[in-house]
Amino acid sequence: MACIKLKTLEEYLQGVDDFDSPKVSLEQYITPSHIASQALYAVQTKYGDLEGRTVLDLGCGTGMLSIGAAMLGAALVVGSEIDTDAVKAFQNNCDEFNLYNVDCVQADVLQIKGLYGNSSFDTVLMNPPFGTKRNAGIDMVFLRTGLELARGAVYSMHKTSTRDHITRKAAEWGIKASVVAELRYNLSSSYKFHRHRSVDIAVDFWRFVPSPQDIRKI
């Protein structure tokens, strides 16, 4: 069970600072607090995959998922992030919340396995780039990396429009995959080229369960 109520978790996560100057090339958008709180609460209350666990937040940004996981009782949370400015914001957010069981490693997603090795974390969380800025397929790179690093479950957000593709990939890899929740991801206007104040994107919140023999197929 979760150690705090869902409403309380969302209220806390509303205090996580966003990117100061989001970089479009990295698709930097903060995960909305209402989505992060609901997703993480489901991870803990339905599956017990946070409390007392070692958790990796792959592509952690300013730390929304990492901070939420720590508040729900994770023993240790490691955030992995490529961008220096995001790492600084992540560390500032952790300081504001007085979290000492959360750390951030600056590294490219492809470097993480070399730092930690296979099956190093109980649970992996991620809200990866969707692959819309000349980086098609980056979401699957994140997913594959997460599956290699997890000895338990991997939780990841992906555009609903990619559901069939992800389902086929999971079958190809021999990975158990299920959509935990269907979300409406409200993105506020962050970049100069945005024509609308916000846009709703249909997003699936997935749960993947790898096993040692599965990982060799990926």
N, C-alpha and C. Protein backbone atom coordinates (compact mmCIF):
# COMPACT_ATOMS: atom_id res chain seq x y z
N MET A 1 0.83 -1.20 0.00
CA MET A 1 0.00 0.00 0.00
C MET A 1 0.87 1.26 0.00
N ALA A 2 0.32 2.34 -0.55
CA ALA A 2 1.04 3.61 -0.57
C ALA A 2 1.06 4.22 0.82
N CYS A 3 2.16 4.90 1.14
CA CYS A 3 2.31 5.47 2.48
C CYS A 3 1.63 6.82 2.61
N ILE A 4 1.26 7.46 1.50
CA ILE A 4 0.52 8.72 1.56
C ILE A 4 -0.66 8.63 0.59
N LYS A 5 -1.62 9.51 0.77
CA LYS A 5 -2.81 9.49 -0.08
C LYS A 5 -2.50 10.09 -1.45
N LEU A 6 -3.28 9.67 -2.44
CA LEU A 6 -3.10 10.15 -3.81
C LEU A 6 -3.18 11.66 -3.88
N LYS A 7 -4.18 12.25 -3.25
CA LYS A 7 -4.35 13.70 -3.28
C LYS A 7 -3.14 14.40 -2.69
N THR A 8 -2.61 13.85 -1.59
CA THR A 8 -1.44 14.45 -0.95
C THR A 8 -0.22 14.36 -1.85
N LEU A 9 -0.06 13.23 -2.51
CA LEU A 9 1.06 13.05 -3.43
C LEU A 9 1.00 14.07 -4.55
N GLU A 10 -0.17 14.25 -5.14
CA GLU A 10 -0.31 15.22 -6.24
C GLU A 10 -0.01 16.63 -5.76
N GLU A 11 -0.46 16.97 -4.56
CA GLU A 11 -0.19 18.31 -4.03
C GLU A 11 1.30 18.54 -3.86
N TYR A 12 2.01 17.54 -3.37
CA TYR A 12 3.46 17.66 -3.24
C TYR A 12 4.12 17.84 -4.61
N LEU A 13 3.71 17.02 -5.57
CA LEU A 13 4.36 17.04 -6.88
C LEU A 13 4.08 18.32 -7.66
N GLN A 14 3.05 19.04 -7.28
CA GLN A 14 2.79 20.34 -7.91
C GLN A 14 3.92 21.32 -7.60
N GLY A 15 4.72 21.02 -6.58
CA GLY A 15 5.83 21.90 -6.22
C GLY A 15 7.14 21.58 -6.92
N VAL A 16 7.14 20.57 -7.80
CA VAL A 16 8.36 20.23 -8.55
C VAL A 16 8.57 21.26 -9.66
N ASP A 17 9.70 21.92 -9.66
CA ASP A 17 9.98 22.97 -10.65
C ASP A 17 10.18 22.39 -12.04
N ASP A 18 9.70 23.11 -13.03
CA ASP A 18 9.78 22.74 -14.44
C ASP A 18 11.16 23.12 -14.99
N PHE A 19 11.39 22.81 -16.27
CA PHE A 19 12.60 23.24 -16.97
C PHE A 19 12.59 24.76 -17.09
N ASP A 20 13.73 25.41 -16.83
CA ASP A 20 13.82 26.86 -17.00
C ASP A 20 13.75 27.23 -18.47
N SER A 21 14.54 26.55 -19.28
CA SER A 21 14.57 26.79 -20.73
C SER A 21 14.55 25.44 -21.43
N PRO A 22 13.36 24.86 -21.63
CA PRO A 22 13.27 23.52 -22.23
C PRO A 22 13.87 23.46 -23.62
N LYS A 23 14.57 22.38 -23.90
CA LYS A 23 15.24 22.19 -25.18
C LYS A 23 14.38 21.32 -26.08
N VAL A 24 14.00 21.88 -27.21
CA VAL A 24 13.11 21.17 -28.12
C VAL A 24 13.77 19.92 -28.67
N SER A 25 15.07 19.94 -28.89
CA SER A 25 15.76 18.78 -29.46
C SER A 25 15.70 17.57 -28.54
N LEU A 26 15.54 17.82 -27.23
CA LEU A 26 15.45 16.74 -26.25
C LEU A 26 14.00 16.46 -25.84
N GLU A 27 13.07 17.15 -26.50
CA GLU A 27 11.64 17.00 -26.18
C GLU A 27 11.39 17.17 -24.69
N GLN A 28 11.88 18.26 -24.14
CA GLN A 28 11.77 18.46 -22.70
C GLN A 28 10.41 19.05 -22.31
N TYR A 29 9.61 18.21 -21.70
CA TYR A 29 8.33 18.60 -21.11
C TYR A 29 8.27 17.93 -19.74
N ILE A 30 7.86 18.68 -18.73
CA ILE A 30 7.69 18.06 -17.43
C ILE A 30 6.45 17.17 -17.44
N THR A 31 6.53 16.02 -16.79
CA THR A 31 5.35 15.18 -16.66
C THR A 31 4.37 15.89 -15.73
N PRO A 32 3.14 16.15 -16.16
CA PRO A 32 2.18 16.86 -15.29
C PRO A 32 2.00 16.14 -13.96
N SER A 33 1.86 16.90 -12.90
CA SER A 33 1.79 16.33 -11.56
C SER A 33 0.60 15.39 -11.39
N HIS A 34 -0.53 15.70 -12.03
CA HIS A 34 -1.70 14.82 -11.85
C HIS A 34 -1.50 13.48 -12.55
N ILE A 35 -0.78 13.49 -13.67
CA ILE A 35 -0.48 12.23 -14.37
C ILE A 35 0.58 11.45 -13.61
N ALA A 36 1.64 12.13 -13.16
CA ALA A 36 2.70 11.45 -12.44
C ALA A 36 2.18 10.82 -11.15
N SER A 37 1.35 11.54 -10.42
CA SER A 37 0.84 11.03 -9.15
C SER A 37 -0.05 9.82 -9.36
N GLN A 38 -0.94 9.87 -10.35
CA GLN A 38 -1.83 8.75 -10.61
C GLN A 38 -1.05 7.52 -11.09
N ALA A 39 -0.07 7.74 -11.96
CA ALA A 39 0.72 6.63 -12.48
C ALA A 39 1.52 5.97 -11.36
N LEU A 40 2.21 6.76 -10.56
CA LEU A 40 3.03 6.22 -9.49
C LEU A 40 2.19 5.56 -8.41
N TYR A 41 1.04 6.13 -8.13
CA TYR A 41 0.15 5.55 -7.12
C TYR A 41 -0.31 4.17 -7.56
N ALA A 42 -0.58 4.03 -8.86
CA ALA A 42 -0.97 2.72 -9.40
C ALA A 42 0.19 1.73 -9.30
N VAL A 43 1.40 2.19 -9.59
CA VAL A 43 2.58 1.31 -9.50
C VAL A 43 2.71 0.73 -8.10
N GLN A 44 2.46 1.57 -7.09
CA GLN A 44 2.61 1.10 -5.71
C GLN A 44 1.40 0.32 -5.21
N THR A 45 0.19 0.85 -5.42
CA THR A 45 -0.98 0.21 -4.82
C THR A 45 -1.40 -1.07 -5.54
N LYS A 46 -1.19 -1.13 -6.85
CA LYS A 46 -1.58 -2.32 -7.61
C LYS A 46 -0.50 -3.40 -7.62
N TYR A 47 0.76 -2.96 -7.64
CA TYR A 47 1.85 -3.92 -7.85
C TYR A 47 2.92 -3.91 -6.76
N GLY A 48 2.91 -2.91 -5.88
CA GLY A 48 3.92 -2.86 -4.82
C GLY A 48 5.34 -2.73 -5.33
N ASP A 49 5.52 -1.99 -6.44
CA ASP A 49 6.83 -1.93 -7.08
C ASP A 49 7.66 -0.70 -6.72
N LEU A 50 7.27 0.04 -5.66
CA LEU A 50 8.06 1.20 -5.26
C LEU A 50 8.56 1.10 -3.82
N GLU A 51 7.70 0.83 -2.89
CA GLU A 51 8.09 0.83 -1.48
C GLU A 51 9.18 -0.19 -1.20
N GLY A 52 10.29 0.29 -0.65
CA GLY A 52 11.41 -0.58 -0.31
C GLY A 52 12.24 -1.04 -1.50
N ARG A 53 11.97 -0.51 -2.69
CA ARG A 53 12.66 -0.96 -3.91
C ARG A 53 13.74 0.01 -4.34
N THR A 54 14.69 -0.51 -5.12
CA THR A 54 15.65 0.36 -5.81
C THR A 54 15.05 0.71 -7.16
N VAL A 55 15.01 1.98 -7.47
CA VAL A 55 14.27 2.48 -8.63
C VAL A 55 15.17 3.31 -9.52
N LEU A 56 15.09 3.10 -10.82
CA LEU A 56 15.77 3.94 -11.80
C LEU A 56 14.72 4.73 -12.58
N ASP A 57 14.92 6.03 -12.65
CA ASP A 57 14.08 6.92 -13.47
C ASP A 57 14.91 7.30 -14.68
N LEU A 58 14.62 6.68 -15.81
CA LEU A 58 15.43 6.83 -17.01
C LEU A 58 14.97 8.06 -17.80
N GLY A 59 15.88 9.04 -17.97
CA GLY A 59 15.49 10.29 -18.61
C GLY A 59 14.65 11.10 -17.65
N CYS A 60 15.20 11.36 -16.47
CA CYS A 60 14.42 11.86 -15.33
C CYS A 60 14.00 13.32 -15.44
N GLY A 61 14.61 14.09 -16.34
CA GLY A 61 14.25 15.50 -16.43
C GLY A 61 14.53 16.22 -15.11
N THR A 62 13.55 16.99 -14.62
CA THR A 62 13.73 17.73 -13.37
C THR A 62 13.31 16.92 -12.16
N GLY A 63 12.94 15.66 -12.35
CA GLY A 63 12.77 14.76 -11.21
C GLY A 63 11.36 14.44 -10.77
N MET A 64 10.36 14.72 -11.60
CA MET A 64 8.98 14.50 -11.18
C MET A 64 8.73 13.05 -10.74
N LEU A 65 9.08 12.07 -11.57
CA LEU A 65 8.83 10.67 -11.24
C LEU A 65 9.74 10.20 -10.11
N SER A 66 10.98 10.65 -10.10
CA SER A 66 11.92 10.26 -9.05
C SER A 66 11.43 10.72 -7.68
N ILE A 67 11.02 11.96 -7.60
CA ILE A 67 10.55 12.52 -6.33
C ILE A 67 9.28 11.81 -5.87
N GLY A 68 8.37 11.56 -6.80
CA GLY A 68 7.15 10.85 -6.45
C GLY A 68 7.43 9.45 -5.95
N ALA A 69 8.38 8.75 -6.60
CA ALA A 69 8.73 7.39 -6.17
C ALA A 69 9.32 7.39 -4.77
N ALA A 70 10.15 8.38 -4.47
CA ALA A 70 10.73 8.49 -3.13
C ALA A 70 9.65 8.74 -2.09
N MET A 71 8.69 9.57 -2.42
CA MET A 71 7.60 9.86 -1.48
C MET A 71 6.72 8.64 -1.22
N LEU A 72 6.70 7.71 -2.17
CA LEU A 72 5.92 6.49 -2.00
C LEU A 72 6.75 5.36 -1.41
N GLY A 73 7.91 5.69 -0.87
CA GLY A 73 8.64 4.73 -0.07
C GLY A 73 9.78 3.99 -0.71
N ALA A 74 10.22 4.41 -1.90
CA ALA A 74 11.36 3.73 -2.54
C ALA A 74 12.58 3.83 -1.64
N ALA A 75 13.35 2.73 -1.56
CA ALA A 75 14.54 2.72 -0.73
C ALA A 75 15.63 3.60 -1.32
N LEU A 76 15.77 3.56 -2.63
CA LEU A 76 16.77 4.36 -3.35
C LEU A 76 16.24 4.66 -4.74
N VAL A 77 16.38 5.91 -5.16
CA VAL A 77 15.98 6.30 -6.51
C VAL A 77 17.18 6.92 -7.21
N VAL A 78 17.48 6.43 -8.39
CA VAL A 78 18.53 7.01 -9.23
C VAL A 78 17.88 7.58 -10.48
N GLY A 79 18.08 8.86 -10.71
CA GLY A 79 17.60 9.48 -11.93
C GLY A 79 18.73 9.57 -12.94
N SER A 80 18.46 9.25 -14.18
CA SER A 80 19.45 9.34 -15.24
C SER A 80 19.00 10.41 -16.23
N GLU A 81 19.89 11.35 -16.53
CA GLU A 81 19.53 12.48 -17.37
C GLU A 81 20.75 12.96 -18.15
N ILE A 82 20.57 13.27 -19.43
CA ILE A 82 21.68 13.68 -20.29
C ILE A 82 21.98 15.16 -20.19
N ASP A 83 20.99 15.99 -19.83
CA ASP A 83 21.12 17.44 -19.92
C ASP A 83 21.61 18.05 -18.60
N THR A 84 22.67 18.83 -18.68
CA THR A 84 23.27 19.44 -17.50
C THR A 84 22.29 20.34 -16.76
N ASP A 85 21.56 21.18 -17.49
CA ASP A 85 20.61 22.09 -16.85
C ASP A 85 19.51 21.32 -16.13
N ALA A 86 19.04 20.24 -16.73
CA ALA A 86 18.00 19.43 -16.10
C ALA A 86 18.52 18.77 -14.83
N VAL A 87 19.77 18.32 -14.86
CA VAL A 87 20.37 17.70 -13.68
C VAL A 87 20.42 18.70 -12.52
N LYS A 88 20.79 19.94 -12.81
CA LYS A 88 20.84 20.97 -11.77
C LYS A 88 19.44 21.23 -11.21
N ALA A 89 18.45 21.29 -12.08
CA ALA A 89 17.07 21.50 -11.63
C ALA A 89 16.59 20.32 -10.79
N PHE A 90 16.96 19.12 -11.21
CA PHE A 90 16.63 17.90 -10.47
C PHE A 90 17.20 17.97 -9.05
N GLN A 91 18.47 18.31 -8.96
CA GLN A 91 19.13 18.38 -7.64
C GLN A 91 18.51 19.46 -6.77
N ASN A 92 18.15 20.60 -7.37
CA ASN A 92 17.49 21.67 -6.61
C ASN A 92 16.14 21.22 -6.10
N ASN A 93 15.40 20.49 -6.92
CA ASN A 93 14.09 19.98 -6.50
C ASN A 93 14.24 19.01 -5.33
N CYS A 94 15.22 18.13 -5.40
CA CYS A 94 15.45 17.19 -4.31
C CYS A 94 15.82 17.91 -3.02
N ASP A 95 16.62 18.97 -3.14
CA ASP A 95 17.00 19.76 -1.97
C ASP A 95 15.77 20.43 -1.35
N GLU A 96 14.89 20.93 -2.21
CA GLU A 96 13.69 21.59 -1.71
C GLU A 96 12.80 20.63 -0.93
N PHE A 97 12.76 19.38 -1.36
CA PHE A 97 11.93 18.37 -0.70
C PHE A 97 12.69 17.60 0.39
N ASN A 98 13.95 17.98 0.61
CA ASN A 98 14.78 17.31 1.63
C ASN A 98 14.84 15.80 1.42
N LEU A 99 15.08 15.40 0.18
CA LEU A 99 15.17 13.98 -0.16
C LEU A 99 16.64 13.59 -0.25
N TYR A 100 17.03 12.59 0.55
CA TYR A 100 18.42 12.18 0.59
C TYR A 100 18.63 10.76 0.07
N ASN A 101 17.55 10.13 -0.35
CA ASN A 101 17.67 8.79 -0.94
C ASN A 101 17.45 8.85 -2.44
N VAL A 102 17.65 10.03 -3.03
CA VAL A 102 17.48 10.25 -4.47
C VAL A 102 18.78 10.83 -5.02
N ASP A 103 19.25 10.26 -6.11
CA ASP A 103 20.50 10.73 -6.72
C ASP A 103 20.27 10.89 -8.22
N CYS A 104 21.12 11.66 -8.85
CA CYS A 104 21.00 11.88 -10.29
C CYS A 104 22.35 11.65 -10.96
N VAL A 105 22.35 10.90 -12.03
CA VAL A 105 23.55 10.60 -12.80
C VAL A 105 23.40 11.24 -14.19
N GLN A 106 24.36 12.05 -14.57
CA GLN A 106 24.32 12.64 -15.90
C GLN A 106 24.93 11.66 -16.89
N ALA A 107 24.11 11.16 -17.79
CA ALA A 107 24.58 10.18 -18.76
C ALA A 107 23.56 10.04 -19.88
N ASP A 108 24.07 9.70 -21.06
CA ASP A 108 23.22 9.35 -22.19
C ASP A 108 22.57 8.00 -21.90
N VAL A 109 21.38 7.81 -22.44
CA VAL A 109 20.66 6.56 -22.18
C VAL A 109 21.48 5.34 -22.58
N LEU A 110 22.31 5.47 -23.61
CA LEU A 110 23.11 4.34 -24.07
C LEU A 110 24.30 4.04 -23.17
N GLN A 111 24.61 4.95 -22.23
CA GLN A 111 25.74 4.75 -21.32
C GLN A 111 25.33 4.06 -20.03
N ILE A 112 24.06 4.05 -19.71
CA ILE A 112 23.61 3.61 -18.39
C ILE A 112 23.94 2.16 -18.12
N LYS A 113 23.72 1.30 -19.11
CA LYS A 113 24.00 -0.12 -18.88
C LYS A 113 25.48 -0.33 -18.57
N GLY A 114 26.36 0.44 -19.20
CA GLY A 114 27.78 0.33 -18.92
C GLY A 114 28.14 0.76 -17.51
N LEU A 115 27.33 1.66 -16.93
CA LEU A 115 27.58 2.13 -15.58
C LEU A 115 27.07 1.16 -14.52
N TYR A 116 25.97 0.49 -14.83
CA TYR A 116 25.32 -0.33 -13.81
C TYR A 116 25.25 -1.82 -14.17
N GLY A 117 25.14 -2.16 -15.43
CA GLY A 117 25.02 -3.56 -15.81
C GLY A 117 23.58 -4.03 -15.81
N ASN A 118 23.36 -5.23 -16.35
CA ASN A 118 22.01 -5.78 -16.45
C ASN A 118 21.38 -6.03 -15.08
N SER A 119 20.07 -5.88 -15.06
CA SER A 119 19.25 -6.24 -13.88
C SER A 119 19.76 -5.60 -12.60
N SER A 120 20.05 -4.30 -12.65
CA SER A 120 20.62 -3.60 -11.50
C SER A 120 19.57 -2.95 -10.61
N PHE A 121 18.34 -2.80 -11.09
CA PHE A 121 17.31 -2.09 -10.35
C PHE A 121 16.05 -2.96 -10.23
N ASP A 122 15.36 -2.82 -9.10
CA ASP A 122 14.11 -3.55 -8.93
C ASP A 122 13.06 -3.06 -9.91
N THR A 123 12.97 -1.75 -10.06
CA THR A 123 11.91 -1.13 -10.87
C THR A 123 12.52 -0.02 -11.71
N VAL A 124 12.09 0.08 -12.96
CA VAL A 124 12.51 1.18 -13.84
C VAL A 124 11.28 1.97 -14.25
N LEU A 125 11.37 3.30 -14.12
CA LEU A 125 10.32 4.22 -14.53
C LEU A 125 10.84 5.08 -15.67
N MET A 126 9.95 5.48 -16.56
CA MET A 126 10.38 6.43 -17.60
C MET A 126 9.19 7.08 -18.29
N ASN A 127 9.41 8.32 -18.67
CA ASN A 127 8.53 9.01 -19.59
C ASN A 127 9.44 9.47 -20.72
N PRO A 128 9.74 8.57 -21.66
CA PRO A 128 10.79 8.85 -22.65
C PRO A 128 10.34 9.86 -23.71
N PRO A 129 11.29 10.44 -24.43
CA PRO A 129 10.92 11.25 -25.59
C PRO A 129 10.08 10.41 -26.54
N PHE A 130 9.08 11.04 -27.14
CA PHE A 130 8.17 10.29 -28.02
C PHE A 130 8.77 10.06 -29.40
N GLY A 131 9.87 10.73 -29.71
CA GLY A 131 10.51 10.52 -31.00
C GLY A 131 9.89 11.31 -32.12
N THR A 132 9.57 12.58 -31.83
CA THR A 132 8.91 13.42 -32.84
C THR A 132 9.82 14.52 -33.38
N LYS A 133 11.06 14.61 -32.89
CA LYS A 133 11.97 15.69 -33.30
C LYS A 133 13.23 15.11 -33.94
N ARG A 134 13.06 14.50 -35.10
CA ARG A 134 14.18 13.91 -35.85
C ARG A 134 14.91 12.84 -35.04
N ASN A 135 14.21 12.23 -34.14
CA ASN A 135 14.80 11.17 -33.32
C ASN A 135 13.85 9.98 -33.24
N ALA A 136 13.26 9.63 -34.36
CA ALA A 136 12.31 8.52 -34.41
C ALA A 136 12.93 7.26 -33.83
N GLY A 137 12.16 6.57 -33.00
CA GLY A 137 12.62 5.33 -32.40
C GLY A 137 13.31 5.49 -31.07
N ILE A 138 13.52 6.73 -30.61
CA ILE A 138 14.23 6.94 -29.34
C ILE A 138 13.43 6.37 -28.18
N ASP A 139 12.10 6.37 -28.28
CA ASP A 139 11.29 5.82 -27.19
C ASP A 139 11.56 4.33 -27.01
N MET A 140 11.82 3.62 -28.12
CA MET A 140 12.10 2.19 -28.02
C MET A 140 13.52 1.93 -27.52
N VAL A 141 14.44 2.87 -27.80
CA VAL A 141 15.79 2.76 -27.24
C VAL A 141 15.72 2.85 -25.72
N PHE A 142 14.94 3.79 -25.22
CA PHE A 142 14.74 3.93 -23.79
C PHE A 142 14.12 2.65 -23.22
N LEU A 143 13.09 2.15 -23.87
CA LEU A 143 12.40 0.97 -23.36
C LEU A 143 13.33 -0.23 -23.32
N ARG A 144 14.07 -0.44 -24.39
CA ARG A 144 14.99 -1.58 -24.43
C ARG A 144 16.04 -1.47 -23.33
N THR A 145 16.56 -0.26 -23.10
CA THR A 145 17.54 -0.05 -22.04
C THR A 145 16.93 -0.34 -20.68
N GLY A 146 15.71 0.15 -20.47
CA GLY A 146 15.04 -0.10 -19.20
C GLY A 146 14.83 -1.57 -18.93
N LEU A 147 14.49 -2.32 -19.96
CA LEU A 147 14.27 -3.76 -19.81
C LEU A 147 15.57 -4.48 -19.45
N GLU A 148 16.67 -3.99 -19.98
CA GLU A 148 17.96 -4.61 -19.67
C GLU A 148 18.40 -4.31 -18.23
N LEU A 149 18.00 -3.15 -17.71
CA LEU A 149 18.44 -2.73 -16.39
C LEU A 149 17.54 -3.21 -15.26
N ALA A 150 16.34 -3.66 -15.58
CA ALA A 150 15.37 -4.03 -14.55
C ALA A 150 15.42 -5.52 -14.22
N ARG A 151 15.34 -5.82 -12.94
CA ARG A 151 15.14 -7.21 -12.55
C ARG A 151 13.67 -7.43 -12.17
N GLY A 152 12.94 -6.34 -12.09
CA GLY A 152 11.50 -6.40 -11.86
C GLY A 152 10.77 -5.79 -13.04
N ALA A 153 9.83 -4.90 -12.75
CA ALA A 153 8.98 -4.34 -13.79
C ALA A 153 9.53 -3.02 -14.33
N VAL A 154 9.17 -2.73 -15.58
CA VAL A 154 9.46 -1.46 -16.23
C VAL A 154 8.13 -0.77 -16.52
N TYR A 155 8.03 0.50 -16.13
CA TYR A 155 6.83 1.29 -16.39
C TYR A 155 7.19 2.45 -17.31
N SER A 156 6.42 2.62 -18.37
CA SER A 156 6.80 3.61 -19.38
C SER A 156 5.57 4.23 -20.04
N MET A 157 5.68 5.50 -20.41
CA MET A 157 4.60 6.22 -21.08
C MET A 157 4.92 6.34 -22.57
N HIS A 158 3.93 6.03 -23.39
CA HIS A 158 4.10 6.10 -24.84
C HIS A 158 2.81 6.60 -25.47
N LYS A 159 2.94 7.28 -26.59
CA LYS A 159 1.75 7.76 -27.30
C LYS A 159 0.85 6.58 -27.66
N THR A 160 -0.44 6.76 -27.44
CA THR A 160 -1.40 5.69 -27.74
C THR A 160 -1.33 5.27 -29.20
N SER A 161 -0.96 6.19 -30.06
CA SER A 161 -0.87 5.87 -31.49
C SER A 161 0.20 4.84 -31.79
N THR A 162 1.11 4.59 -30.83
CA THR A 162 2.17 3.59 -31.03
C THR A 162 1.84 2.25 -30.37
N ARG A 163 0.62 2.09 -29.86
CA ARG A 163 0.28 0.89 -29.09
C ARG A 163 0.49 -0.39 -29.90
N ASP A 164 0.05 -0.41 -31.13
CA ASP A 164 0.20 -1.63 -31.94
C ASP A 164 1.67 -1.97 -32.14
N HIS A 165 2.48 -0.95 -32.39
CA HIS A 165 3.91 -1.17 -32.60
C HIS A 165 4.56 -1.73 -31.34
N ILE A 166 4.23 -1.16 -30.19
CA ILE A 166 4.81 -1.62 -28.94
C ILE A 166 4.34 -3.03 -28.62
N THR A 167 3.09 -3.32 -28.90
CA THR A 167 2.56 -4.68 -28.67
C THR A 167 3.32 -5.70 -29.51
N ARG A 168 3.60 -5.35 -30.77
CA ARG A 168 4.36 -6.26 -31.62
C ARG A 168 5.78 -6.45 -31.12
N LYS A 169 6.41 -5.35 -30.68
CA LYS A 169 7.78 -5.43 -30.18
C LYS A 169 7.85 -6.29 -28.92
N ALA A 170 6.89 -6.10 -28.03
CA ALA A 170 6.87 -6.88 -26.80
C ALA A 170 6.73 -8.37 -27.11
N ALA A 171 5.90 -8.70 -28.08
CA ALA A 171 5.73 -10.10 -28.48
C ALA A 171 7.02 -10.63 -29.10
N GLU A 172 7.67 -9.80 -29.91
CA GLU A 172 8.93 -10.20 -30.55
C GLU A 172 10.01 -10.46 -29.51
N TRP A 173 10.05 -9.63 -28.46
CA TRP A 173 11.05 -9.77 -27.41
C TRP A 173 10.68 -10.81 -26.36
N GLY A 174 9.43 -11.29 -26.39
CA GLY A 174 8.98 -12.23 -25.39
C GLY A 174 8.70 -11.59 -24.04
N ILE A 175 8.36 -10.30 -24.06
CA ILE A 175 8.13 -9.54 -22.84
C ILE A 175 6.64 -9.48 -22.52
N LYS A 176 6.30 -9.69 -21.26
CA LYS A 176 4.91 -9.50 -20.83
C LYS A 176 4.62 -8.01 -20.78
N ALA A 177 3.57 -7.57 -21.47
CA ALA A 177 3.28 -6.15 -21.55
C ALA A 177 1.78 -5.91 -21.40
N SER A 178 1.44 -4.88 -20.64
CA SER A 178 0.03 -4.53 -20.47
C SER A 178 -0.09 -3.03 -20.26
N VAL A 179 -1.20 -2.47 -20.74
CA VAL A 179 -1.47 -1.05 -20.54
C VAL A 179 -2.17 -0.90 -19.19
N VAL A 180 -1.50 -0.24 -18.27
CA VAL A 180 -2.03 -0.04 -16.93
C VAL A 180 -3.11 1.03 -16.92
N ALA A 181 -2.91 2.09 -17.73
CA ALA A 181 -3.87 3.20 -17.76
C ALA A 181 -3.77 3.94 -19.08
N GLU A 182 -4.88 4.51 -19.50
CA GLU A 182 -4.92 5.39 -20.66
C GLU A 182 -5.04 6.81 -20.14
N LEU A 183 -4.10 7.66 -20.54
CA LEU A 183 -4.00 9.00 -19.99
C LEU A 183 -4.21 10.07 -21.06
N ARG A 184 -4.59 11.25 -20.60
CA ARG A 184 -4.64 12.42 -21.48
C ARG A 184 -3.54 13.36 -21.03
N TYR A 185 -2.50 13.44 -21.84
CA TYR A 185 -1.30 14.21 -21.50
C TYR A 185 -1.49 15.63 -22.03
N ASN A 186 -1.72 16.57 -21.12
CA ASN A 186 -1.95 17.97 -21.50
C ASN A 186 -0.63 18.71 -21.52
N LEU A 187 -0.14 19.03 -22.70
CA LEU A 187 1.13 19.75 -22.84
C LEU A 187 0.86 21.25 -22.99
N SER A 188 1.41 22.02 -22.06
CA SER A 188 1.29 23.47 -22.16
C SER A 188 2.25 24.00 -23.22
N SER A 189 1.95 25.18 -23.74
CA SER A 189 2.84 25.80 -24.73
C SER A 189 4.19 26.09 -24.09
N SER A 190 5.25 25.49 -24.65
CA SER A 190 6.59 25.66 -24.08
C SER A 190 7.57 26.26 -25.08
N TYR A 191 7.27 26.17 -26.36
CA TYR A 191 8.22 26.59 -27.38
C TYR A 191 7.59 27.63 -28.29
N LYS A 192 8.43 28.42 -28.94
CA LYS A 192 7.95 29.52 -29.78
C LYS A 192 7.08 29.04 -30.93
N PHE A 193 7.34 27.82 -31.43
CA PHE A 193 6.59 27.35 -32.59
C PHE A 193 5.20 26.83 -32.22
N HIS A 194 4.88 26.71 -30.92
CA HIS A 194 3.57 26.24 -30.50
C HIS A 194 2.51 27.29 -30.83
N ARG A 195 1.45 26.87 -31.47
CA ARG A 195 0.38 27.78 -31.87
C ARG A 195 -0.77 27.80 -30.87
N HIS A 196 -0.85 26.81 -30.00
CA HIS A 196 -1.93 26.72 -29.03
C HIS A 196 -1.36 26.73 -27.61
N ARG A 197 -2.19 27.20 -26.67
CA ARG A 197 -1.74 27.26 -25.28
C ARG A 197 -1.46 25.88 -24.72
N SER A 198 -2.22 24.91 -25.15
CA SER A 198 -2.00 23.54 -24.69
C SER A 198 -2.60 22.58 -25.71
N VAL A 199 -2.16 21.33 -25.64
CA VAL A 199 -2.68 20.31 -26.54
C VAL A 199 -2.77 19.00 -25.76
N ASP A 200 -3.84 18.27 -25.99
CA ASP A 200 -4.02 16.97 -25.34
C ASP A 200 -3.47 15.86 -26.22
N ILE A 201 -2.67 14.99 -25.64
CA ILE A 201 -2.11 13.84 -26.34
C ILE A 201 -2.53 12.58 -25.60
N ALA A 202 -3.07 11.62 -26.34
CA ALA A 202 -3.45 10.35 -25.74
C ALA A 202 -2.18 9.53 -25.46
N VAL A 203 -2.00 9.11 -24.22
CA VAL A 203 -0.80 8.42 -23.79
C VAL A 203 -1.17 7.14 -23.04
N ASP A 204 -0.47 6.05 -23.35
CA ASP A 204 -0.62 4.80 -22.62
C ASP A 204 0.45 4.70 -21.55
N PHE A 205 0.06 4.23 -20.38
CA PHE A 205 1.01 3.94 -19.31
C PHE A 205 1.16 2.42 -19.24
N TRP A 206 2.34 1.94 -19.63
CA TRP A 206 2.59 0.51 -19.80
C TRP A 206 3.32 -0.09 -18.61
N ARG A 207 3.09 -1.40 -18.40
CA ARG A 207 3.89 -2.20 -17.48
C ARG A 207 4.50 -3.36 -18.26
N PHE A 208 5.82 -3.46 -18.19
CA PHE A 208 6.56 -4.54 -18.87
C PHE A 208 7.27 -5.37 -17.81
N VAL A 209 7.24 -6.68 -17.99
CA VAL A 209 7.91 -7.56 -17.04
C VAL A 209 8.89 -8.44 -17.79
N PRO A 210 10.19 -8.15 -17.69
CA PRO A 210 11.21 -8.95 -18.37
C PRO A 210 11.62 -10.15 -17.54
N SER A 211 12.30 -11.07 -18.17
CA SER A 211 12.92 -12.18 -17.47
C SER A 211 14.28 -12.39 -18.10
N PRO A 212 15.21 -13.08 -17.43
CA PRO A 212 16.57 -13.23 -17.97
C PRO A 212 16.61 -13.78 -19.38
N GLN A 213 15.77 -14.78 -19.68
CA GLN A 213 15.81 -15.35 -21.03
C GLN A 213 15.22 -14.38 -22.05
N ASP A 214 14.31 -13.51 -21.62
CA ASP A 214 13.75 -12.52 -22.53
C ASP A 214 14.80 -11.49 -22.93
N ILE A 215 15.62 -11.05 -21.95
CA ILE A 215 16.57 -9.99 -22.19
C ILE A 215 17.56 -10.36 -23.29
N ARG A 216 17.88 -11.62 -23.40
CA ARG A 216 18.83 -12.04 -24.43
C ARG A 216 18.26 -11.86 -25.84
N LYS A 217 16.93 -11.73 -25.97
CA LYS A 217 16.32 -11.57 -27.28
C LYS A 217 16.28 -10.11 -27.71
N ILE A 218 16.45 -9.20 -26.76
CA ILE A 218 16.24 -7.78 -27.07
C ILE A 218 17.41 -7.20 -27.85
